[in-house]
């Protein structure tokens, strides 16, 4: 997961400083939660032309993908992710029962 980072701000007034720290801790906690959502650290690919059979889709995540979300397809097709893929850190193998153009999020 990418590191969103967090820059703390310090107030010169002690009362404001305590209130500011409470707000910053709340923001920091929410950023920590967001960083645990896998698909926020993914890639979105559009215009992928599939053929019948296995289709190798390079994802460029720099790590093994965890899953994918199909967001658009131009025709009715049966699709599945090939479970025998030994290069999950480089490609997603998507099997299709025919030609189609898709958009997918890979995370």
PDB file of N, CA and C in Angstrom:
ATOM      1  N   UNK A   1       0.853  -1.176   0.000  1.00  0.00           N
ATOM      2  CA  UNK A   1       0.000   0.000   0.000  1.00  0.00           C
ATOM      3  C   UNK A   1       0.891   1.229   0.000  1.00  0.00           C
ATOM      4  N   UNK A   2       0.526   2.229  -0.769  1.00  0.00           N
ATOM      5  CA  UNK A   2       1.305   3.457  -0.782  1.00  0.00           C
ATOM      6  C   UNK A   2       1.151   4.185   0.541  1.00  0.00           C
ATOM      7  N   UNK A   3       2.170   4.938   0.900  1.00  0.00           N
ATOM      8  CA  UNK A   3       2.147   5.669   2.161  1.00  0.00           C
ATOM      9  C   UNK A   3       1.648   7.075   1.885  1.00  0.00           C
ATOM     10  N   UNK A   4       0.492   7.411   2.453  1.00  0.00           N
ATOM     11  CA  UNK A   4      -0.079   8.731   2.238  1.00  0.00           C
ATOM     12  C   UNK A   4       0.683   9.807   2.989  1.00  0.00           C
ATOM     13  N   UNK A   5       1.355   9.423   4.057  1.00  0.00           N
ATOM     14  CA  UNK A   5       2.126  10.384   4.844  1.00  0.00           C
ATOM     15  C   UNK A   5       1.210  11.307   5.629  1.00  0.00           C
ATOM     16  N   UNK A   6       1.770  11.936   6.630  1.00  0.00           N
ATOM     17  CA  UNK A   6       0.989  12.853   7.450  1.00  0.00           C
ATOM     18  C   UNK A   6       1.946  13.839   8.090  1.00  0.00           C
ATOM     19  N   UNK A   7       1.719  15.118   7.874  1.00  0.00           N
ATOM     20  CA  UNK A   7       2.547  16.172   8.432  1.00  0.00           C
ATOM     21  C   UNK A   7       1.814  16.787   9.612  1.00  0.00           C
ATOM     22  N   UNK A   8       2.423  16.759  10.786  1.00  0.00           N
ATOM     23  CA  UNK A   8       1.810  17.337  11.979  1.00  0.00           C
ATOM     24  C   UNK A   8       2.099  18.826  12.054  1.00  0.00           C
ATOM     25  N   UNK A   9       1.134  19.559  12.591  1.00  0.00           N
ATOM     26  CA  UNK A   9       1.269  21.001  12.792  1.00  0.00           C
ATOM     27  C   UNK A   9       1.249  21.261  14.295  1.00  0.00           C
ATOM     28  N   UNK A  10       2.059  22.201  14.761  1.00  0.00           N
ATOM     29  CA  UNK A  10       2.128  22.522  16.183  1.00  0.00           C
ATOM     30  C   UNK A  10       1.685  23.967  16.364  1.00  0.00           C
ATOM     31  N   UNK A  11       0.797  24.188  17.355  1.00  0.00           N
ATOM     32  CA  UNK A  11       0.323  25.538  17.668  1.00  0.00           C
ATOM     33  C   UNK A  11       1.128  26.093  18.838  1.00  0.00           C
ATOM     34  N   UNK A  12       1.338  27.416  18.862  1.00  0.00           N
ATOM     35  CA  UNK A  12       2.102  28.029  19.946  1.00  0.00           C
ATOM     36  C   UNK A  12       1.270  28.156  21.224  1.00  0.00           C
ATOM     37  N   UNK A  13      -0.039  28.255  21.105  1.00  0.00           N
ATOM     38  CA  UNK A  13      -0.933  28.349  22.265  1.00  0.00           C
ATOM     39  C   UNK A  13      -1.163  26.940  22.823  1.00  0.00           C
ATOM     40  N   UNK A  14      -0.882  26.689  24.122  1.00  0.00           N
ATOM     41  CA  UNK A  14      -1.027  25.350  24.692  1.00  0.00           C
ATOM     42  C   UNK A  14      -2.430  24.763  24.541  1.00  0.00           C
ATOM     43  N   UNK A  15      -3.486  25.578  24.713  1.00  0.00           N
ATOM     44  CA  UNK A  15      -4.849  25.076  24.576  1.00  0.00           C
ATOM     45  C   UNK A  15      -5.107  24.676  23.121  1.00  0.00           C
ATOM     46  N   UNK A  16      -4.732  25.537  22.194  1.00  0.00           N
ATOM     47  CA  UNK A  16      -4.904  25.249  20.777  1.00  0.00           C
ATOM     48  C   UNK A  16      -4.077  24.038  20.379  1.00  0.00           C
ATOM     49  N   UNK A  17      -2.905  23.902  20.984  1.00  0.00           N
ATOM     50  CA  UNK A  17      -2.029  22.781  20.673  1.00  0.00           C
ATOM     51  C   UNK A  17      -2.682  21.450  21.036  1.00  0.00           C
ATOM     52  N   UNK A  18      -3.337  21.384  22.189  1.00  0.00           N
ATOM     53  CA  UNK A  18      -4.018  20.154  22.616  1.00  0.00           C
ATOM     54  C   UNK A  18      -5.175  19.850  21.668  1.00  0.00           C
ATOM     55  N   UNK A  19      -5.982  20.861  21.348  1.00  0.00           N
ATOM     56  CA  UNK A  19      -7.107  20.668  20.440  1.00  0.00           C
ATOM     57  C   UNK A  19      -6.618  20.249  19.057  1.00  0.00           C
ATOM     58  N   UNK A  20      -5.556  20.879  18.605  1.00  0.00           N
ATOM     59  CA  UNK A  20      -4.992  20.547  17.307  1.00  0.00           C
ATOM     60  C   UNK A  20      -4.482  19.106  17.276  1.00  0.00           C
ATOM     61  N   UNK A  21      -3.849  18.658  18.347  1.00  0.00           N
ATOM     62  CA  UNK A  21      -3.353  17.282  18.428  1.00  0.00           C
ATOM     63  C   UNK A  21      -4.507  16.282  18.377  1.00  0.00           C
ATOM     64  N   UNK A  22      -5.632  16.604  19.018  1.00  0.00           N
ATOM     65  CA  UNK A  22      -6.812  15.729  18.987  1.00  0.00           C
ATOM     66  C   UNK A  22      -7.337  15.609  17.556  1.00  0.00           C
ATOM     67  N   UNK A  23      -7.432  16.727  16.871  1.00  0.00           N
ATOM     68  CA  UNK A  23      -7.894  16.726  15.475  1.00  0.00           C
ATOM     69  C   UNK A  23      -6.933  15.936  14.596  1.00  0.00           C
ATOM     70  N   UNK A  24      -5.633  16.187  14.770  1.00  0.00           N
ATOM     71  CA  UNK A  24      -4.631  15.499  13.948  1.00  0.00           C
ATOM     72  C   UNK A  24      -4.648  13.995  14.201  1.00  0.00           C
ATOM     73  N   UNK A  25      -4.863  13.586  15.445  1.00  0.00           N
ATOM     74  CA  UNK A  25      -4.917  12.146  15.752  1.00  0.00           C
ATOM     75  C   UNK A  25      -6.124  11.515  15.070  1.00  0.00           C
ATOM     76  N   UNK A  26      -7.244  12.232  15.050  1.00  0.00           N
ATOM     77  CA  UNK A  26      -8.425  11.731  14.344  1.00  0.00           C
ATOM     78  C   UNK A  26      -8.170  11.572  12.856  1.00  0.00           C
ATOM     79  N   UNK A  27      -7.513  12.544  12.260  1.00  0.00           N
ATOM     80  CA  UNK A  27      -7.174  12.470  10.832  1.00  0.00           C
ATOM     81  C   UNK A  27      -6.203  11.318  10.593  1.00  0.00           C
ATOM     82  N   UNK A  28      -5.198  11.206  11.440  1.00  0.00           N
ATOM     83  CA  UNK A  28      -4.191  10.144  11.308  1.00  0.00           C
ATOM     84  C   UNK A  28      -4.857   8.763  11.389  1.00  0.00           C
ATOM     85  N   UNK A  29      -5.797   8.592  12.317  1.00  0.00           N
ATOM     86  CA  UNK A  29      -6.512   7.314  12.468  1.00  0.00           C
ATOM     87  C   UNK A  29      -7.292   6.971  11.202  1.00  0.00           C
ATOM     88  N   UNK A  30      -7.947   7.974  10.615  1.00  0.00           N
ATOM     89  CA  UNK A  30      -8.710   7.737   9.393  1.00  0.00           C
ATOM     90  C   UNK A  30      -7.812   7.424   8.206  1.00  0.00           C
ATOM     91  N   UNK A  31      -6.669   8.061   8.124  1.00  0.00           N
ATOM     92  CA  UNK A  31      -5.713   7.737   7.061  1.00  0.00           C
ATOM     93  C   UNK A  31      -5.235   6.302   7.218  1.00  0.00           C
ATOM     94  N   UNK A  32      -4.973   5.875   8.451  1.00  0.00           N
ATOM     95  CA  UNK A  32      -4.558   4.495   8.699  1.00  0.00           C
ATOM     96  C   UNK A  32      -5.618   3.511   8.218  1.00  0.00           C
ATOM     97  N   UNK A  33      -6.886   3.824   8.449  1.00  0.00           N
ATOM     98  CA  UNK A  33      -7.982   2.967   7.995  1.00  0.00           C
ATOM     99  C   UNK A  33      -8.018   2.920   6.467  1.00  0.00           C
ATOM    100  N   UNK A  34      -7.909   4.066   5.842  1.00  0.00           N
ATOM    101  CA  UNK A  34      -7.941   4.119   4.377  1.00  0.00           C
ATOM    102  C   UNK A  34      -6.796   3.322   3.758  1.00  0.00           C
ATOM    103  N   UNK A  35      -5.639   3.328   4.399  1.00  0.00           N
ATOM    104  CA  UNK A  35      -4.497   2.611   3.853  1.00  0.00           C
ATOM    105  C   UNK A  35      -4.680   1.098   3.903  1.00  0.00           C
ATOM    106  N   UNK A  36      -5.663   0.620   4.624  1.00  0.00           N
ATOM    107  CA  UNK A  36      -5.939  -0.813   4.705  1.00  0.00           C
ATOM    108  C   UNK A  36      -6.893  -1.293   3.607  1.00  0.00           C
ATOM    109  N   UNK A  37      -7.450  -0.384   2.808  1.00  0.00           N
ATOM    110  CA  UNK A  37      -8.389  -0.760   1.751  1.00  0.00           C
ATOM    111  C   UNK A  37      -7.588  -1.085   0.493  1.00  0.00           C
ATOM    112  N   UNK A  38      -7.530  -2.372   0.102  1.00  0.00           N
ATOM    113  CA  UNK A  38      -6.648  -2.797  -0.979  1.00  0.00           C
ATOM    114  C   UNK A  38      -6.878  -2.102  -2.317  1.00  0.00           C
ATOM    115  N   UNK A  39      -8.135  -1.901  -2.724  1.00  0.00           N
ATOM    116  CA  UNK A  39      -8.343  -1.362  -4.067  1.00  0.00           C
ATOM    117  C   UNK A  39      -8.002   0.112  -4.200  1.00  0.00           C
ATOM    118  N   UNK A  40      -7.722   0.792  -3.101  1.00  0.00           N
ATOM    119  CA  UNK A  40      -7.272   2.187  -3.202  1.00  0.00           C
ATOM    120  C   UNK A  40      -5.824   2.282  -3.662  1.00  0.00           C
ATOM    121  N   UNK A  41      -5.120   1.162  -3.617  1.00  0.00           N
ATOM    122  CA  UNK A  41      -3.729   1.125  -4.064  1.00  0.00           C
ATOM    123  C   UNK A  41      -3.616   0.322  -5.359  1.00  0.00           C
ATOM    124  N   UNK A  42      -4.589   0.471  -6.230  1.00  0.00           N
ATOM    125  CA  UNK A  42      -4.613  -0.302  -7.460  1.00  0.00           C
ATOM    126  C   UNK A  42      -4.408   0.552  -8.693  1.00  0.00           C
ATOM    127  N   UNK A  43      -4.629  -0.082  -9.829  1.00  0.00           N
ATOM    128  CA  UNK A  43      -4.550   0.600 -11.123  1.00  0.00           C
ATOM    129  C   UNK A  43      -5.876   0.397 -11.847  1.00  0.00           C
ATOM    130  N   UNK A  44      -6.221   1.344 -12.681  1.00  0.00           N
ATOM    131  CA  UNK A  44      -7.450   1.256 -13.467  1.00  0.00           C
ATOM    132  C   UNK A  44      -7.057   1.204 -14.928  1.00  0.00           C
ATOM    133  N   UNK A  45      -7.488   0.162 -15.619  1.00  0.00           N
ATOM    134  CA  UNK A  45      -7.134  -0.038 -17.024  1.00  0.00           C
ATOM    135  C   UNK A  45      -8.410  -0.038 -17.856  1.00  0.00           C
ATOM    136  N   UNK A  46      -8.399   0.744 -18.923  1.00  0.00           N
ATOM    137  CA  UNK A  46      -9.552   0.827 -19.819  1.00  0.00           C
ATOM    138  C   UNK A  46      -9.145   0.394 -21.222  1.00  0.00           C
ATOM    139  N   UNK A  47     -10.133   0.059 -22.024  1.00  0.00           N
ATOM    140  CA  UNK A  47      -9.883  -0.290 -23.417  1.00  0.00           C
ATOM    141  C   UNK A  47      -9.085  -1.571 -23.594  1.00  0.00           C
ATOM    142  N   UNK A  48      -9.244  -2.519 -22.694  1.00  0.00           N
ATOM    143  CA  UNK A  48      -8.525  -3.789 -22.802  1.00  0.00           C
ATOM    144  C   UNK A  48      -9.326  -4.710 -23.720  1.00  0.00           C
ATOM    145  N   UNK A  49      -8.721  -5.080 -24.833  1.00  0.00           N
ATOM    146  CA  UNK A  49      -9.377  -5.970 -25.792  1.00  0.00           C
ATOM    147  C   UNK A  49      -9.056  -7.415 -25.438  1.00  0.00           C
ATOM    148  N   UNK A  50     -10.098  -8.171 -25.130  1.00  0.00           N
ATOM    149  CA  UNK A  50      -9.950  -9.575 -24.778  1.00  0.00           C
ATOM    150  C   UNK A  50     -10.241 -10.451 -25.982  1.00  0.00           C
ATOM    151  N   UNK A  51      -9.571 -11.590 -26.039  1.00  0.00           N
ATOM    152  CA  UNK A  51      -9.842 -12.616 -27.037  1.00  0.00           C
ATOM    153  C   UNK A  51     -10.343 -13.849 -26.297  1.00  0.00           C
ATOM    154  N   UNK A  52     -10.824 -14.815 -27.030  1.00  0.00           N
ATOM    155  CA  UNK A  52     -11.278 -16.057 -26.412  1.00  0.00           C
ATOM    156  C   UNK A  52     -10.080 -16.794 -25.819  1.00  0.00           C
ATOM    157  N   UNK A  53     -10.190 -17.199 -24.557  1.00  0.00           N
ATOM    158  CA  UNK A  53      -9.098 -17.891 -23.873  1.00  0.00           C
ATOM    159  C   UNK A  53      -8.419 -16.978 -22.873  1.00  0.00           C
ATOM    160  N   UNK A  54      -7.177 -17.320 -22.523  1.00  0.00           N
ATOM    161  CA  UNK A  54      -6.418 -16.534 -21.545  1.00  0.00           C
ATOM    162  C   UNK A  54      -5.901 -15.229 -22.138  1.00  0.00           C
ATOM    163  N   UNK A  55      -6.017 -14.156 -21.374  1.00  0.00           N
ATOM    164  CA  UNK A  55      -5.530 -12.830 -21.757  1.00  0.00           C
ATOM    165  C   UNK A  55      -4.600 -12.333 -20.664  1.00  0.00           C
ATOM    166  N   UNK A  56      -3.329 -12.102 -21.008  1.00  0.00           N
ATOM    167  CA  UNK A  56      -2.353 -11.578 -20.054  1.00  0.00           C
ATOM    168  C   UNK A  56      -2.474 -10.065 -19.981  1.00  0.00           C
ATOM    169  N   UNK A  57      -2.738  -9.547 -18.786  1.00  0.00           N
ATOM    170  CA  UNK A  57      -2.883  -8.104 -18.586  1.00  0.00           C
ATOM    171  C   UNK A  57      -1.814  -7.651 -17.605  1.00  0.00           C
ATOM    172  N   UNK A  58      -0.854  -6.884 -18.098  1.00  0.00           N
ATOM    173  CA  UNK A  58       0.220  -6.351 -17.253  1.00  0.00           C
ATOM    174  C   UNK A  58      -0.368  -5.277 -16.354  1.00  0.00           C
ATOM    175  N   UNK A  59      -0.085  -5.373 -15.042  1.00  0.00           N
ATOM    176  CA  UNK A  59      -0.696  -4.401 -14.122  1.00  0.00           C
ATOM    177  C   UNK A  59       0.285  -3.369 -13.580  1.00  0.00           C
ATOM    178  N   UNK A  60       1.560  -3.664 -13.470  1.00  0.00           N
ATOM    179  CA  UNK A  60       2.546  -2.684 -13.018  1.00  0.00           C
ATOM    180  C   UNK A  60       2.422  -2.270 -11.566  1.00  0.00           C
ATOM    181  N   UNK A  61       1.821  -3.093 -10.721  1.00  0.00           N
ATOM    182  CA  UNK A  61       1.655  -2.746  -9.305  1.00  0.00           C
ATOM    183  C   UNK A  61       2.965  -2.824  -8.519  1.00  0.00           C
ATOM    184  N   UNK A  62       3.904  -3.612  -9.000  1.00  0.00           N
ATOM    185  CA  UNK A  62       5.150  -3.794  -8.258  1.00  0.00           C
ATOM    186  C   UNK A  62       4.998  -4.790  -7.116  1.00  0.00           C
ATOM    187  N   UNK A  63       3.913  -5.519  -7.114  1.00  0.00           N
ATOM    188  CA  UNK A  63       3.617  -6.537  -6.105  1.00  0.00           C
ATOM    189  C   UNK A  63       2.545  -7.446  -6.692  1.00  0.00           C
ATOM    190  N   UNK A  64       2.290  -8.558  -6.042  1.00  0.00           N
ATOM    191  CA  UNK A  64       1.237  -9.463  -6.494  1.00  0.00           C
ATOM    192  C   UNK A  64      -0.126  -8.794  -6.313  1.00  0.00           C
ATOM    193  N   UNK A  65      -0.969  -8.919  -7.307  1.00  0.00           N
ATOM    194  CA  UNK A  65      -2.313  -8.348  -7.178  1.00  0.00           C
ATOM    195  C   UNK A  65      -3.125  -9.174  -6.181  1.00  0.00           C
ATOM    196  N   UNK A  66      -4.144  -8.554  -5.602  1.00  0.00           N
ATOM    197  CA  UNK A  66      -5.028  -9.236  -4.660  1.00  0.00           C
ATOM    198  C   UNK A  66      -6.377  -9.564  -5.279  1.00  0.00           C
ATOM    199  N   UNK A  67      -6.750  -8.804  -6.279  1.00  0.00           N
ATOM    200  CA  UNK A  67      -8.033  -9.031  -6.925  1.00  0.00           C
ATOM    201  C   UNK A  67      -8.264  -8.033  -8.032  1.00  0.00           C
ATOM    202  N   UNK A  68      -9.457  -8.093  -8.601  1.00  0.00           N
ATOM    203  CA  UNK A  68      -9.805  -7.157  -9.671  1.00  0.00           C
ATOM    204  C   UNK A  68     -11.295  -6.885  -9.626  1.00  0.00           C
ATOM    205  N   UNK A  69     -11.664  -5.727 -10.173  1.00  0.00           N
ATOM    206  CA  UNK A  69     -13.059  -5.324 -10.261  1.00  0.00           C
ATOM    207  C   UNK A  69     -13.348  -4.979 -11.715  1.00  0.00           C
ATOM    208  N   UNK A  70     -14.296  -5.673 -12.313  1.00  0.00           N
ATOM    209  CA  UNK A  70     -14.729  -5.374 -13.674  1.00  0.00           C
ATOM    210  C   UNK A  70     -15.686  -4.191 -13.605  1.00  0.00           C
ATOM    211  N   UNK A  71     -15.343  -3.092 -14.277  1.00  0.00           N
ATOM    212  CA  UNK A  71     -16.194  -1.905 -14.208  1.00  0.00           C
ATOM    213  C   UNK A  71     -16.960  -1.636 -15.495  1.00  0.00           C
ATOM    214  N   UNK A  72     -16.520  -2.241 -16.608  1.00  0.00           N
ATOM    215  CA  UNK A  72     -17.228  -2.033 -17.866  1.00  0.00           C
ATOM    216  C   UNK A  72     -16.882  -3.163 -18.823  1.00  0.00           C
ATOM    217  N   UNK A  73     -17.870  -3.586 -19.584  1.00  0.00           N
ATOM    218  CA  UNK A  73     -17.666  -4.600 -20.629  1.00  0.00           C
ATOM    219  C   UNK A  73     -18.665  -4.293 -21.736  1.00  0.00           C
ATOM    220  N   UNK A  74     -18.237  -4.448 -23.001  1.00  0.00           N
ATOM    221  CA  UNK A  74     -19.085  -4.026 -24.115  1.00  0.00           C
ATOM    222  C   UNK A  74     -20.014  -5.119 -24.646  1.00  0.00           C
ATOM    223  N   UNK A  75     -19.932  -6.324 -24.097  1.00  0.00           N
ATOM    224  CA  UNK A  75     -20.807  -7.411 -24.533  1.00  0.00           C
ATOM    225  C   UNK A  75     -20.883  -8.473 -23.435  1.00  0.00           C
ATOM    226  N   UNK A  76     -21.898  -9.291 -23.488  1.00  0.00           N
ATOM    227  CA  UNK A  76     -22.054 -10.340 -22.470  1.00  0.00           C
ATOM    228  C   UNK A  76     -20.996 -11.429 -22.674  1.00  0.00           C
ATOM    229  N   UNK A  77     -20.204 -11.685 -21.636  1.00  0.00           N
ATOM    230  CA  UNK A  77     -19.148 -12.696 -21.677  1.00  0.00           C
ATOM    231  C   UNK A  77     -19.026 -13.359 -20.320  1.00  0.00           C
ATOM    232  N   UNK A  78     -18.577 -14.613 -20.341  1.00  0.00           N
ATOM    233  CA  UNK A  78     -18.181 -15.290 -19.113  1.00  0.00           C
ATOM    234  C   UNK A  78     -16.692 -15.044 -18.930  1.00  0.00           C
ATOM    235  N   UNK A  79     -16.319 -14.463 -17.788  1.00  0.00           N
ATOM    236  CA  UNK A  79     -14.924 -14.147 -17.494  1.00  0.00           C
ATOM    237  C   UNK A  79     -14.532 -14.769 -16.160  1.00  0.00           C
ATOM    238  N   UNK A  80     -13.272 -15.157 -16.051  1.00  0.00           N
ATOM    239  CA  UNK A  80     -12.741 -15.564 -14.750  1.00  0.00           C
ATOM    240  C   UNK A  80     -11.238 -15.321 -14.723  1.00  0.00           C
ATOM    241  N   UNK A  81     -10.722 -15.128 -13.512  1.00  0.00           N
ATOM    242  CA  UNK A  81      -9.282 -14.960 -13.317  1.00  0.00           C
ATOM    243  C   UNK A  81      -8.663 -16.351 -13.266  1.00  0.00           C
ATOM    244  N   UNK A  82      -7.647 -16.571 -14.082  1.00  0.00           N
ATOM    245  CA  UNK A  82      -6.974 -17.867 -14.138  1.00  0.00           C
ATOM    246  C   UNK A  82      -6.173 -18.077 -12.857  1.00  0.00           C
ATOM    247  N   UNK A  83      -6.552 -19.082 -12.094  1.00  0.00           N
ATOM    248  CA  UNK A  83      -5.936 -19.359 -10.790  1.00  0.00           C
ATOM    249  C   UNK A  83      -4.547 -19.974 -10.901  1.00  0.00           C
ATOM    250  N   UNK A  84      -4.143 -20.412 -12.079  1.00  0.00           N
ATOM    251  CA  UNK A  84      -2.832 -21.056 -12.235  1.00  0.00           C
ATOM    252  C   UNK A  84      -1.719 -20.050 -12.522  1.00  0.00           C
ATOM    253  N   UNK A  85      -2.038 -18.768 -12.483  1.00  0.00           N
ATOM    254  CA  UNK A  85      -1.055 -17.712 -12.757  1.00  0.00           C
ATOM    255  C   UNK A  85       0.095 -17.779 -11.742  1.00  0.00           C
ATOM    256  N   UNK A  86       1.320 -17.938 -12.228  1.00  0.00           N
ATOM    257  CA  UNK A  86       2.496 -17.966 -11.353  1.00  0.00           C
ATOM    258  C   UNK A  86       3.248 -16.640 -11.356  1.00  0.00           C
ATOM    259  N   UNK A  87       2.729 -15.646 -12.072  1.00  0.00           N
ATOM    260  CA  UNK A  87       3.383 -14.331 -12.162  1.00  0.00           C
ATOM    261  C   UNK A  87       2.441 -13.220 -11.698  1.00  0.00           C
ATOM    262  N   UNK A  88       1.784 -13.430 -10.577  1.00  0.00           N
ATOM    263  CA  UNK A  88       0.814 -12.457 -10.081  1.00  0.00           C
ATOM    264  C   UNK A  88       1.442 -11.105  -9.751  1.00  0.00           C
ATOM    265  N   UNK A  89       2.753 -11.063  -9.585  1.00  0.00           N
ATOM    266  CA  UNK A  89       3.425  -9.788  -9.330  1.00  0.00           C
ATOM    267  C   UNK A  89       3.606  -8.971 -10.605  1.00  0.00           C
ATOM    268  N   UNK A  90       3.302  -9.565 -11.766  1.00  0.00           N
ATOM    269  CA  UNK A  90       3.475  -8.863 -13.042  1.00  0.00           C
ATOM    270  C   UNK A  90       2.195  -8.792 -13.878  1.00  0.00           C
ATOM    271  N   UNK A  91       1.442  -9.903 -13.911  1.00  0.00           N
ATOM    272  CA  UNK A  91       0.276  -9.955 -14.793  1.00  0.00           C
ATOM    273  C   UNK A  91      -0.942 -10.543 -14.095  1.00  0.00           C
ATOM    274  N   UNK A  92      -2.098 -10.176 -14.632  1.00  0.00           N
ATOM    275  CA  UNK A  92      -3.380 -10.790 -14.297  1.00  0.00           C
ATOM    276  C   UNK A  92      -3.771 -11.580 -15.538  1.00  0.00           C
ATOM    277  N   UNK A  93      -4.134 -12.834 -15.370  1.00  0.00           N
ATOM    278  CA  UNK A  93      -4.598 -13.631 -16.506  1.00  0.00           C
ATOM    279  C   UNK A  93      -6.115 -13.728 -16.414  1.00  0.00           C
ATOM    280  N   UNK A  94      -6.779 -13.093 -17.368  1.00  0.00           N
ATOM    281  CA  UNK A  94      -8.235 -13.063 -17.397  1.00  0.00           C
ATOM    282  C   UNK A  94      -8.706 -13.928 -18.556  1.00  0.00           C
ATOM    283  N   UNK A  95      -9.502 -14.943 -18.262  1.00  0.00           N
ATOM    284  CA  UNK A  95     -10.006 -15.837 -19.293  1.00  0.00           C
ATOM    285  C   UNK A  95     -11.391 -15.373 -19.719  1.00  0.00           C
ATOM    286  N   UNK A  96     -11.604 -15.380 -21.034  1.00  0.00           N
ATOM    287  CA  UNK A  96     -12.877 -14.948 -21.597  1.00  0.00           C
ATOM    288  C   UNK A  96     -13.397 -16.021 -22.549  1.00  0.00           C
ATOM    289  N   UNK A  97     -14.712 -16.134 -22.656  1.00  0.00           N
ATOM    290  CA  UNK A  97     -15.278 -17.102 -23.598  1.00  0.00           C
ATOM    291  C   UNK A  97     -15.461 -16.508 -24.995  1.00  0.00           C
ATOM    292  N   UNK A  98     -14.976 -15.270 -25.199  1.00  0.00           N
ATOM    293  CA  UNK A  98     -15.062 -14.633 -26.518  1.00  0.00           C
ATOM    294  C   UNK A  98     -14.450 -13.249 -26.469  1.00  0.00           C
ATOM    295  N   UNK A  99     -14.536 -12.540 -27.588  1.00  0.00           N
ATOM    296  CA  UNK A  99     -13.949 -11.203 -27.654  1.00  0.00           C
ATOM    297  C   UNK A  99     -14.820 -10.199 -26.903  1.00  0.00           C
ATOM    298  N   UNK A 100     -14.149  -9.220 -26.322  1.00  0.00           N
ATOM    299  CA  UNK A 100     -14.826  -8.140 -25.589  1.00  0.00           C
ATOM    300  C   UNK A 100     -13.804  -7.049 -25.289  1.00  0.00           C
ATOM    301  N   UNK A 101     -14.296  -5.865 -25.030  1.00  0.00           N
ATOM    302  CA  UNK A 101     -13.459  -4.770 -24.558  1.00  0.00           C
ATOM    303  C   UNK A 101     -13.923  -4.440 -23.151  1.00  0.00           C
ATOM    304  N   UNK A 102     -12.954  -4.384 -22.208  1.00  0.00           N
ATOM    305  CA  UNK A 102     -13.305  -4.198 -20.801  1.00  0.00           C
ATOM    306  C   UNK A 102     -12.514  -3.068 -20.168  1.00  0.00           C
ATOM    307  N   UNK A 103     -13.001  -2.633 -19.027  1.00  0.00           N
ATOM    308  CA  UNK A 103     -12.278  -1.736 -18.129  1.00  0.00           C
ATOM    309  C   UNK A 103     -12.265  -2.427 -16.774  1.00  0.00           C
ATOM    310  N   UNK A 104     -11.094  -2.490 -16.150  1.00  0.00           N
ATOM    311  CA  UNK A 104     -10.978  -3.179 -14.867  1.00  0.00           C
ATOM    312  C   UNK A 104     -10.069  -2.409 -13.916  1.00  0.00           C
ATOM    313  N   UNK A 105     -10.377  -2.561 -12.653  1.00  0.00           N
ATOM    314  CA  UNK A 105      -9.480  -2.085 -11.604  1.00  0.00           C
ATOM    315  C   UNK A 105      -8.741  -3.295 -11.065  1.00  0.00           C
ATOM    316  N   UNK A 106      -7.428  -3.201 -10.991  1.00  0.00           N
ATOM    317  CA  UNK A 106      -6.615  -4.294 -10.449  1.00  0.00           C
ATOM    318  C   UNK A 106      -5.969  -3.778  -9.179  1.00  0.00           C
ATOM    319  N   UNK A 107      -6.098  -4.537  -8.094  1.00  0.00           N
ATOM    320  CA  UNK A 107      -5.556  -4.091  -6.819  1.00  0.00           C
ATOM    321  C   UNK A 107      -4.823  -5.212  -6.135  1.00  0.00           C
TER     322      UNK A 107
END
